[in-house]
Amino acid sequence: MGLELLTFLGLTLLLEGVVLALFPGGMKRMMAQFEAMTAQQLRVVGLGFAAVAAVGLILLSRFSGDEGIGGMSFAFPQTRAFFAGLF
């Protein structure tokens, strides 16, 4: 589980860095919009993104089968089993 967590954190930082490098102006505009939002609005947006990500992971683990999407196996079988066990 520790390796999975480190891999997840590494991929998150990689994705964030790529988005920032490719769209610096867009990121600045987005941060300005976040600055203008209330704490309650930020909570709703954060929970919305978390819910969409959770449903996506559950569907991926549930319906991708042993071969995964496009013949690629799921990277971490324990993670797949965890999300598949949620339903």
PDB file of N, CA and C in Angstrom:
ATOM      1  N   MET A   1       0.826  -1.193   0.000  1.00  0.00           N
ATOM      2  CA  MET A   1       0.000   0.000   0.000  1.00  0.00           C
ATOM      3  C   MET A   1       0.873   1.261   0.000  1.00  0.00           C
ATOM      4  N   GLY A   2       2.030   1.209   0.631  1.00  0.00           N
ATOM      5  CA  GLY A   2       2.917   2.368   0.672  1.00  0.00           C
ATOM      6  C   GLY A   2       3.452   2.734  -0.703  1.00  0.00           C
ATOM      7  N   LEU A   3       3.788   1.717  -1.495  1.00  0.00           N
ATOM      8  CA  LEU A   3       4.267   1.960  -2.853  1.00  0.00           C
ATOM      9  C   LEU A   3       3.171   2.589  -3.707  1.00  0.00           C
ATOM     10  N   GLU A   4       1.943   2.109  -3.530  1.00  0.00           N
ATOM     11  CA  GLU A   4       0.818   2.683  -4.273  1.00  0.00           C
ATOM     12  C   GLU A   4       0.624   4.154  -3.923  1.00  0.00           C
ATOM     13  N   LEU A   5       0.721   4.474  -2.647  1.00  0.00           N
ATOM     14  CA  LEU A   5       0.538   5.860  -2.212  1.00  0.00           C
ATOM     15  C   LEU A   5       1.629   6.755  -2.789  1.00  0.00           C
ATOM     16  N   LEU A   6       2.872   6.299  -2.735  1.00  0.00           N
ATOM     17  CA  LEU A   6       3.966   7.087  -3.303  1.00  0.00           C
ATOM     18  C   LEU A   6       3.818   7.260  -4.812  1.00  0.00           C
ATOM     19  N   THR A   7       3.377   6.205  -5.491  1.00  0.00           N
ATOM     20  CA  THR A   7       3.150   6.303  -6.928  1.00  0.00           C
ATOM     21  C   THR A   7       2.038   7.289  -7.231  1.00  0.00           C
ATOM     22  N   PHE A   8       0.967   7.234  -6.462  1.00  0.00           N
ATOM     23  CA  PHE A   8      -0.146   8.161  -6.640  1.00  0.00           C
ATOM     24  C   PHE A   8       0.308   9.603  -6.425  1.00  0.00           C
ATOM     25  N   LEU A   9       1.052   9.841  -5.360  1.00  0.00           N
ATOM     26  CA  LEU A   9       1.527  11.201  -5.093  1.00  0.00           C
ATOM     27  C   LEU A   9       2.465  11.686  -6.193  1.00  0.00           C
ATOM     28  N   GLY A  10       3.324  10.811  -6.673  1.00  0.00           N
ATOM     29  CA  GLY A  10       4.230  11.178  -7.760  1.00  0.00           C
ATOM     30  C   GLY A  10       3.482  11.524  -9.035  1.00  0.00           C
ATOM     31  N   LEU A  11       2.482  10.723  -9.371  1.00  0.00           N
ATOM     32  CA  LEU A  11       1.683  10.996 -10.564  1.00  0.00           C
ATOM     33  C   LEU A  11       0.877  12.276 -10.416  1.00  0.00           C
ATOM     34  N   THR A  12       0.393  12.549  -9.208  1.00  0.00           N
ATOM     35  CA  THR A  12      -0.346  13.786  -8.960  1.00  0.00           C
ATOM     36  C   THR A  12       0.553  14.996  -9.164  1.00  0.00           C
ATOM     37  N   LEU A  13       1.753  14.949  -8.620  1.00  0.00           N
ATOM     38  CA  LEU A  13       2.690  16.062  -8.802  1.00  0.00           C
ATOM     39  C   LEU A  13       3.088  16.215 -10.262  1.00  0.00           C
ATOM     40  N   LEU A  14       3.267  15.101 -10.950  1.00  0.00           N
ATOM     41  CA  LEU A  14       3.601  15.147 -12.365  1.00  0.00           C
ATOM     42  C   LEU A  14       2.486  15.807 -13.174  1.00  0.00           C
ATOM     43  N   LEU A  15       1.261  15.390 -12.938  1.00  0.00           N
ATOM     44  CA  LEU A  15       0.125  15.959 -13.652  1.00  0.00           C
ATOM     45  C   LEU A  15      -0.026  17.445 -13.358  1.00  0.00           C
ATOM     46  N   GLU A  16       0.092  17.816 -12.095  1.00  0.00           N
ATOM     47  CA  GLU A  16      -0.017  19.226 -11.726  1.00  0.00           C
ATOM     48  C   GLU A  16       1.089  20.048 -12.385  1.00  0.00           C
ATOM     49  N   GLY A  17       2.290  19.535 -12.417  1.00  0.00           N
ATOM     50  CA  GLY A  17       3.401  20.248 -13.033  1.00  0.00           C
ATOM     51  C   GLY A  17       3.228  20.404 -14.538  1.00  0.00           C
ATOM     52  N   VAL A  18       2.727  19.360 -15.194  1.00  0.00           N
ATOM     53  CA  VAL A  18       2.512  19.427 -16.639  1.00  0.00           C
ATOM     54  C   VAL A  18       1.431  20.456 -16.968  1.00  0.00           C
ATOM     55  N   VAL A  19       0.339  20.438 -16.209  1.00  0.00           N
ATOM     56  CA  VAL A  19      -0.740  21.408 -16.449  1.00  0.00           C
ATOM     57  C   VAL A  19      -0.227  22.821 -16.229  1.00  0.00           C
ATOM     58  N   LEU A  20       0.530  23.049 -15.190  1.00  0.00           N
ATOM     59  CA  LEU A  20       1.074  24.376 -14.913  1.00  0.00           C
ATOM     60  C   LEU A  20       2.048  24.811 -16.005  1.00  0.00           C
ATOM     61  N   ALA A  21       2.854  23.898 -16.507  1.00  0.00           N
ATOM     62  CA  ALA A  21       3.819  24.230 -17.555  1.00  0.00           C
ATOM     63  C   ALA A  21       3.134  24.532 -18.890  1.00  0.00           C
ATOM     64  N   LEU A  22       2.079  23.785 -19.192  1.00  0.00           N
ATOM     65  CA  LEU A  22       1.404  23.974 -20.475  1.00  0.00           C
ATOM     66  C   LEU A  22       0.426  25.151 -20.485  1.00  0.00           C
ATOM     67  N   PHE A  23      -0.189  25.441 -19.347  1.00  0.00           N
ATOM     68  CA  PHE A  23      -1.227  26.469 -19.289  1.00  0.00           C
ATOM     69  C   PHE A  23      -1.004  27.429 -18.118  1.00  0.00           C
ATOM     70  N   PRO A  24       0.116  28.163 -18.089  1.00  0.00           N
ATOM     71  CA  PRO A  24       0.372  29.046 -16.939  1.00  0.00           C
ATOM     72  C   PRO A  24      -0.660  30.172 -16.821  1.00  0.00           C
ATOM     73  N   GLY A  25      -1.097  30.731 -17.942  1.00  0.00           N
ATOM     74  CA  GLY A  25      -2.092  31.798 -17.888  1.00  0.00           C
ATOM     75  C   GLY A  25      -3.433  31.296 -17.377  1.00  0.00           C
ATOM     76  N   GLY A  26      -3.820  30.124 -17.852  1.00  0.00           N
ATOM     77  CA  GLY A  26      -5.076  29.527 -17.403  1.00  0.00           C
ATOM     78  C   GLY A  26      -5.051  29.197 -15.922  1.00  0.00           C
ATOM     79  N   MET A  27      -3.901  28.721 -15.443  1.00  0.00           N
ATOM     80  CA  MET A  27      -3.787  28.418 -14.015  1.00  0.00           C
ATOM     81  C   MET A  27      -3.889  29.687 -13.180  1.00  0.00           C
ATOM     82  N   LYS A  28      -3.289  30.777 -13.655  1.00  0.00           N
ATOM     83  CA  LYS A  28      -3.372  32.036 -12.916  1.00  0.00           C
ATOM     84  C   LYS A  28      -4.823  32.529 -12.868  1.00  0.00           C
ATOM     85  N   ARG A  29      -5.536  32.403 -14.004  1.00  0.00           N
ATOM     86  CA  ARG A  29      -6.945  32.817 -14.020  1.00  0.00           C
ATOM     87  C   ARG A  29      -7.778  31.946 -13.083  1.00  0.00           C
ATOM     88  N   MET A  30      -7.511  30.649 -13.090  1.00  0.00           N
ATOM     89  CA  MET A  30      -8.255  29.744 -12.229  1.00  0.00           C
ATOM     90  C   MET A  30      -8.003  30.069 -10.754  1.00  0.00           C
ATOM     91  N   MET A  31      -6.755  30.349 -10.403  1.00  0.00           N
ATOM     92  CA  MET A  31      -6.441  30.697  -9.017  1.00  0.00           C
ATOM     93  C   MET A  31      -7.121  32.003  -8.613  1.00  0.00           C
ATOM     94  N   ALA A  32      -7.208  32.946  -9.546  1.00  0.00           N
ATOM     95  CA  ALA A  32      -7.911  34.204  -9.251  1.00  0.00           C
ATOM     96  C   ALA A  32      -9.397  33.932  -9.015  1.00  0.00           C
ATOM     97  N   GLN A  33      -9.967  33.025  -9.796  1.00  0.00           N
ATOM     98  CA  GLN A  33     -11.372  32.670  -9.589  1.00  0.00           C
ATOM     99  C   GLN A  33     -11.561  31.985  -8.235  1.00  0.00           C
ATOM    100  N   PHE A  34     -10.633  31.101  -7.867  1.00  0.00           N
ATOM    101  CA  PHE A  34     -10.714  30.451  -6.557  1.00  0.00           C
ATOM    102  C   PHE A  34     -10.617  31.474  -5.435  1.00  0.00           C
ATOM    103  N   GLU A  35      -9.765  32.475  -5.619  1.00  0.00           N
ATOM    104  CA  GLU A  35      -9.606  33.526  -4.607  1.00  0.00           C
ATOM    105  C   GLU A  35     -10.922  34.256  -4.373  1.00  0.00           C
ATOM    106  N   ALA A  36     -11.715  34.421  -5.427  1.00  0.00           N
ATOM    107  CA  ALA A  36     -12.974  35.151  -5.322  1.00  0.00           C
ATOM    108  C   ALA A  36     -14.098  34.306  -4.724  1.00  0.00           C
ATOM    109  N   MET A  37     -13.912  32.992  -4.648  1.00  0.00           N
ATOM    110  CA  MET A  37     -14.966  32.111  -4.146  1.00  0.00           C
ATOM    111  C   MET A  37     -14.972  32.071  -2.622  1.00  0.00           C
ATOM    112  N   THR A  38     -16.156  31.816  -2.073  1.00  0.00           N
ATOM    113  CA  THR A  38     -16.274  31.664  -0.621  1.00  0.00           C
ATOM    114  C   THR A  38     -15.780  30.277  -0.220  1.00  0.00           C
ATOM    115  N   ALA A  39     -15.556  30.089   1.063  1.00  0.00           N
ATOM    116  CA  ALA A  39     -15.097  28.793   1.565  1.00  0.00           C
ATOM    117  C   ALA A  39     -16.128  27.703   1.268  1.00  0.00           C
ATOM    118  N   GLN A  40     -17.395  28.034   1.399  1.00  0.00           N
ATOM    119  CA  GLN A  40     -18.453  27.050   1.129  1.00  0.00           C
ATOM    120  C   GLN A  40     -18.455  26.636  -0.347  1.00  0.00           C
ATOM    121  N   GLN A  41     -18.277  27.584  -1.244  1.00  0.00           N
ATOM    122  CA  GLN A  41     -18.224  27.264  -2.674  1.00  0.00           C
ATOM    123  C   GLN A  41     -17.023  26.369  -2.983  1.00  0.00           C
ATOM    124  N   LEU A  42     -15.882  26.651  -2.372  1.00  0.00           N
ATOM    125  CA  LEU A  42     -14.696  25.822  -2.577  1.00  0.00           C
ATOM    126  C   LEU A  42     -14.916  24.402  -2.062  1.00  0.00           C
ATOM    127  N   ARG A  43     -15.618  24.271  -0.942  1.00  0.00           N
ATOM    128  CA  ARG A  43     -15.921  22.938  -0.410  1.00  0.00           C
ATOM    129  C   ARG A  43     -16.784  22.150  -1.389  1.00  0.00           C
ATOM    130  N   VAL A  44     -17.795  22.812  -1.943  1.00  0.00           N
ATOM    131  CA  VAL A  44     -18.691  22.138  -2.886  1.00  0.00           C
ATOM    132  C   VAL A  44     -17.921  21.712  -4.137  1.00  0.00           C
ATOM    133  N   VAL A  45     -17.079  22.586  -4.656  1.00  0.00           N
ATOM    134  CA  VAL A  45     -16.279  22.250  -5.835  1.00  0.00           C
ATOM    135  C   VAL A  45     -15.340  21.086  -5.515  1.00  0.00           C
ATOM    136  N   GLY A  46     -14.665  21.141  -4.381  1.00  0.00           N
ATOM    137  CA  GLY A  46     -13.750  20.067  -3.985  1.00  0.00           C
ATOM    138  C   GLY A  46     -14.456  18.736  -3.809  1.00  0.00           C
ATOM    139  N   LEU A  47     -15.612  18.744  -3.150  1.00  0.00           N
ATOM    140  CA  LEU A  47     -16.368  17.507  -2.964  1.00  0.00           C
ATOM    141  C   LEU A  47     -16.887  16.988  -4.299  1.00  0.00           C
ATOM    142  N   GLY A  48     -17.248  17.888  -5.199  1.00  0.00           N
ATOM    143  CA  GLY A  48     -17.706  17.467  -6.524  1.00  0.00           C
ATOM    144  C   GLY A  48     -16.607  16.760  -7.296  1.00  0.00           C
ATOM    145  N   PHE A  49     -15.400  17.354  -7.311  1.00  0.00           N
ATOM    146  CA  PHE A  49     -14.275  16.719  -7.988  1.00  0.00           C
ATOM    147  C   PHE A  49     -13.935  15.379  -7.338  1.00  0.00           C
ATOM    148  N   ALA A  50     -13.968  15.317  -6.017  1.00  0.00           N
ATOM    149  CA  ALA A  50     -13.661  14.068  -5.320  1.00  0.00           C
ATOM    150  C   ALA A  50     -14.696  12.994  -5.654  1.00  0.00           C
ATOM    151  N   ALA A  51     -15.969  13.368  -5.717  1.00  0.00           N
ATOM    152  CA  ALA A  51     -17.025  12.402  -6.038  1.00  0.00           C
ATOM    153  C   ALA A  51     -16.872  11.875  -7.456  1.00  0.00           C
ATOM    154  N   VAL A  52     -16.588  12.760  -8.395  1.00  0.00           N
ATOM    155  CA  VAL A  52     -16.400  12.332  -9.788  1.00  0.00           C
ATOM    156  C   VAL A  52     -15.199  11.397  -9.895  1.00  0.00           C
ATOM    157  N   ALA A  53     -14.110  11.725  -9.228  1.00  0.00           N
ATOM    158  CA  ALA A  53     -12.921  10.867  -9.262  1.00  0.00           C
ATOM    159  C   ALA A  53     -13.206   9.508  -8.629  1.00  0.00           C
ATOM    160  N   ALA A  54     -13.915   9.488  -7.508  1.00  0.00           N
ATOM    161  CA  ALA A  54     -14.230   8.226  -6.835  1.00  0.00           C
ATOM    162  C   ALA A  54     -15.111   7.349  -7.713  1.00  0.00           C
ATOM    163  N   VAL A  55     -16.138   7.931  -8.312  1.00  0.00           N
ATOM    164  CA  VAL A  55     -17.023   7.155  -9.188  1.00  0.00           C
ATOM    165  C   VAL A  55     -16.232   6.634 -10.389  1.00  0.00           C
ATOM    166  N   GLY A  56     -15.359   7.467 -10.946  1.00  0.00           N
ATOM    167  CA  GLY A  56     -14.542   7.023 -12.077  1.00  0.00           C
ATOM    168  C   GLY A  56     -13.647   5.859 -11.714  1.00  0.00           C
ATOM    169  N   LEU A  57     -13.001   5.928 -10.559  1.00  0.00           N
ATOM    170  CA  LEU A  57     -12.138   4.819 -10.124  1.00  0.00           C
ATOM    171  C   LEU A  57     -12.939   3.556  -9.848  1.00  0.00           C
ATOM    172  N   ILE A  58     -14.110   3.718  -9.257  1.00  0.00           N
ATOM    173  CA  ILE A  58     -14.953   2.553  -8.975  1.00  0.00           C
ATOM    174  C   ILE A  58     -15.392   1.904 -10.279  1.00  0.00           C
ATOM    175  N   LEU A  59     -15.841   2.726 -11.234  1.00  0.00           N
ATOM    176  CA  LEU A  59     -16.254   2.162 -12.522  1.00  0.00           C
ATOM    177  C   LEU A  59     -15.091   1.507 -13.246  1.00  0.00           C
ATOM    178  N   LEU A  60     -13.926   2.136 -13.212  1.00  0.00           N
ATOM    179  CA  LEU A  60     -12.749   1.569 -13.848  1.00  0.00           C
ATOM    180  C   LEU A  60     -12.400   0.213 -13.249  1.00  0.00           C
ATOM    181  N   SER A  61     -12.403   0.137 -11.926  1.00  0.00           N
ATOM    182  CA  SER A  61     -12.030  -1.116 -11.280  1.00  0.00           C
ATOM    183  C   SER A  61     -13.124  -2.169 -11.421  1.00  0.00           C
ATOM    184  N   ARG A  62     -14.360  -1.722 -11.520  1.00  0.00           N
ATOM    185  CA  ARG A  62     -15.486  -2.647 -11.563  1.00  0.00           C
ATOM    186  C   ARG A  62     -15.689  -3.258 -12.946  1.00  0.00           C
ATOM    187  N   PHE A  63     -15.540  -2.445 -13.981  1.00  0.00           N
ATOM    188  CA  PHE A  63     -15.919  -2.882 -15.312  1.00  0.00           C
ATOM    189  C   PHE A  63     -14.753  -3.063 -16.274  1.00  0.00           C
ATOM    190  N   SER A  64     -13.533  -2.880 -15.806  1.00  0.00           N
ATOM    191  CA  SER A  64     -12.410  -3.032 -16.723  1.00  0.00           C
ATOM    192  C   SER A  64     -11.999  -4.487 -16.884  1.00  0.00           C
ATOM    193  N   GLY A  65     -12.436  -5.346 -16.024  1.00  0.00           N
ATOM    194  CA  GLY A  65     -12.097  -6.763 -16.113  1.00  0.00           C
ATOM    195  C   GLY A  65     -10.636  -6.996 -15.781  1.00  0.00           C
ATOM    196  N   ASP A  66     -10.194  -8.231 -15.954  1.00  0.00           N
ATOM    197  CA  ASP A  66      -8.807  -8.573 -15.645  1.00  0.00           C
ATOM    198  C   ASP A  66      -7.833  -7.960 -16.632  1.00  0.00           C
ATOM    199  N   GLU A  67      -8.282  -7.730 -17.844  1.00  0.00           N
ATOM    200  CA  GLU A  67      -7.398  -7.186 -18.861  1.00  0.00           C
ATOM    201  C   GLU A  67      -7.319  -5.668 -18.824  1.00  0.00           C
ATOM    202  N   GLY A  68      -8.224  -5.024 -18.123  1.00  0.00           N
ATOM    203  CA  GLY A  68      -8.207  -3.568 -18.058  1.00  0.00           C
ATOM    204  C   GLY A  68      -8.707  -2.953 -19.353  1.00  0.00           C
ATOM    205  N   ILE A  69      -8.619  -1.665 -19.438  1.00  0.00           N
ATOM    206  CA  ILE A  69      -9.083  -0.949 -20.616  1.00  0.00           C
ATOM    207  C   ILE A  69      -8.034  -1.085 -21.705  1.00  0.00           C
ATOM    208  N   GLY A  70      -8.456  -1.473 -22.881  1.00  0.00           N
ATOM    209  CA  GLY A  70      -7.542  -1.587 -24.005  1.00  0.00           C
ATOM    210  C   GLY A  70      -6.482  -2.665 -23.824  1.00  0.00           C
ATOM    211  N   GLY A  71      -6.781  -3.685 -23.012  1.00  0.00           N
ATOM    212  CA  GLY A  71      -5.836  -4.768 -22.813  1.00  0.00           C
ATOM    213  C   GLY A  71      -4.769  -4.476 -21.774  1.00  0.00           C
ATOM    214  N   MET A  72      -4.824  -3.312 -21.140  1.00  0.00           N
ATOM    215  CA  MET A  72      -3.828  -2.984 -20.107  1.00  0.00           C
ATOM    216  C   MET A  72      -4.350  -3.450 -18.755  1.00  0.00           C
ATOM    217  N   SER A  73      -3.559  -4.188 -18.024  1.00  0.00           N
ATOM    218  CA  SER A  73      -3.994  -4.639 -16.711  1.00  0.00           C
ATOM    219  C   SER A  73      -3.911  -3.490 -15.720  1.00  0.00           C
ATOM    220  N   PHE A  74      -4.743  -3.545 -14.711  1.00  0.00           N
ATOM    221  CA  PHE A  74      -4.751  -2.517 -13.682  1.00  0.00           C
ATOM    222  C   PHE A  74      -3.416  -2.557 -12.946  1.00  0.00           C
ATOM    223  N   ALA A  75      -2.836  -1.401 -12.680  1.00  0.00           N
ATOM    224  CA  ALA A  75      -1.468  -1.326 -12.171  1.00  0.00           C
ATOM    225  C   ALA A  75      -1.311  -1.983 -10.804  1.00  0.00           C
ATOM    226  N   PHE A  76      -2.275  -1.796  -9.920  1.00  0.00           N
ATOM    227  CA  PHE A  76      -2.143  -2.313  -8.562  1.00  0.00           C
ATOM    228  C   PHE A  76      -3.349  -3.180  -8.226  1.00  0.00           C
ATOM    229  N   PRO A  77      -3.188  -4.486  -8.195  1.00  0.00           N
ATOM    230  CA  PRO A  77      -4.327  -5.376  -7.966  1.00  0.00           C
ATOM    231  C   PRO A  77      -5.026  -5.131  -6.634  1.00  0.00           C
ATOM    232  N   GLN A  78      -4.277  -4.762  -5.586  1.00  0.00           N
ATOM    233  CA  GLN A  78      -4.919  -4.512  -4.299  1.00  0.00           C
ATOM    234  C   GLN A  78      -5.840  -3.293  -4.377  1.00  0.00           C
ATOM    235  N   THR A  79      -5.416  -2.271  -5.106  1.00  0.00           N
ATOM    236  CA  THR A  79      -6.245  -1.079  -5.265  1.00  0.00           C
ATOM    237  C   THR A  79      -7.488  -1.429  -6.060  1.00  0.00           C
ATOM    238  N   ARG A  80      -7.317  -2.196  -7.126  1.00  0.00           N
ATOM    239  CA  ARG A  80      -8.461  -2.611  -7.928  1.00  0.00           C
ATOM    240  C   ARG A  80      -9.443  -3.408  -7.072  1.00  0.00           C
ATOM    241  N   ALA A  81      -8.928  -4.317  -6.273  1.00  0.00           N
ATOM    242  CA  ALA A  81      -9.797  -5.127  -5.409  1.00  0.00           C
ATOM    243  C   ALA A  81     -10.519  -4.259  -4.389  1.00  0.00           C
ATOM    244  N   PHE A  82      -9.831  -3.251  -3.847  1.00  0.00           N
ATOM    245  CA  PHE A  82     -10.453  -2.350  -2.879  1.00  0.00           C
ATOM    246  C   PHE A  82     -11.626  -1.613  -3.505  1.00  0.00           C
ATOM    247  N   PHE A  83     -11.403  -0.987  -4.672  1.00  0.00           N
ATOM    248  CA  PHE A  83     -12.469  -0.222  -5.306  1.00  0.00           C
ATOM    249  C   PHE A  83     -13.574  -1.128  -5.820  1.00  0.00           C
ATOM    250  N   ALA A  84     -13.242  -2.317  -6.307  1.00  0.00           N
ATOM    251  CA  ALA A  84     -14.267  -3.252  -6.755  1.00  0.00           C
ATOM    252  C   ALA A  84     -15.111  -3.720  -5.580  1.00  0.00           C
ATOM    253  N   GLY A  85     -14.524  -3.805  -4.400  1.00  0.00           N
ATOM    254  CA  GLY A  85     -15.245  -4.245  -3.208  1.00  0.00           C
ATOM    255  C   GLY A  85     -16.207  -3.209  -2.660  1.00  0.00           C
ATOM    256  N   LEU A  86     -16.131  -1.982  -3.142  1.00  0.00           N
ATOM    257  CA  LEU A  86     -17.032  -0.949  -2.643  1.00  0.00           C
ATOM    258  C   LEU A  86     -18.472  -1.184  -3.080  1.00  0.00           C
ATOM    259  N   PHE A  87     -18.635  -1.920  -4.180  1.00  0.00           N
ATOM    260  CA  PHE A  87     -20.004  -2.221  -4.655  1.00  0.00           C
ATOM    261  C   PHE A  87     -20.232  -3.695  -4.745  1.00  0.00           C
TER     262      PHE A  87
END
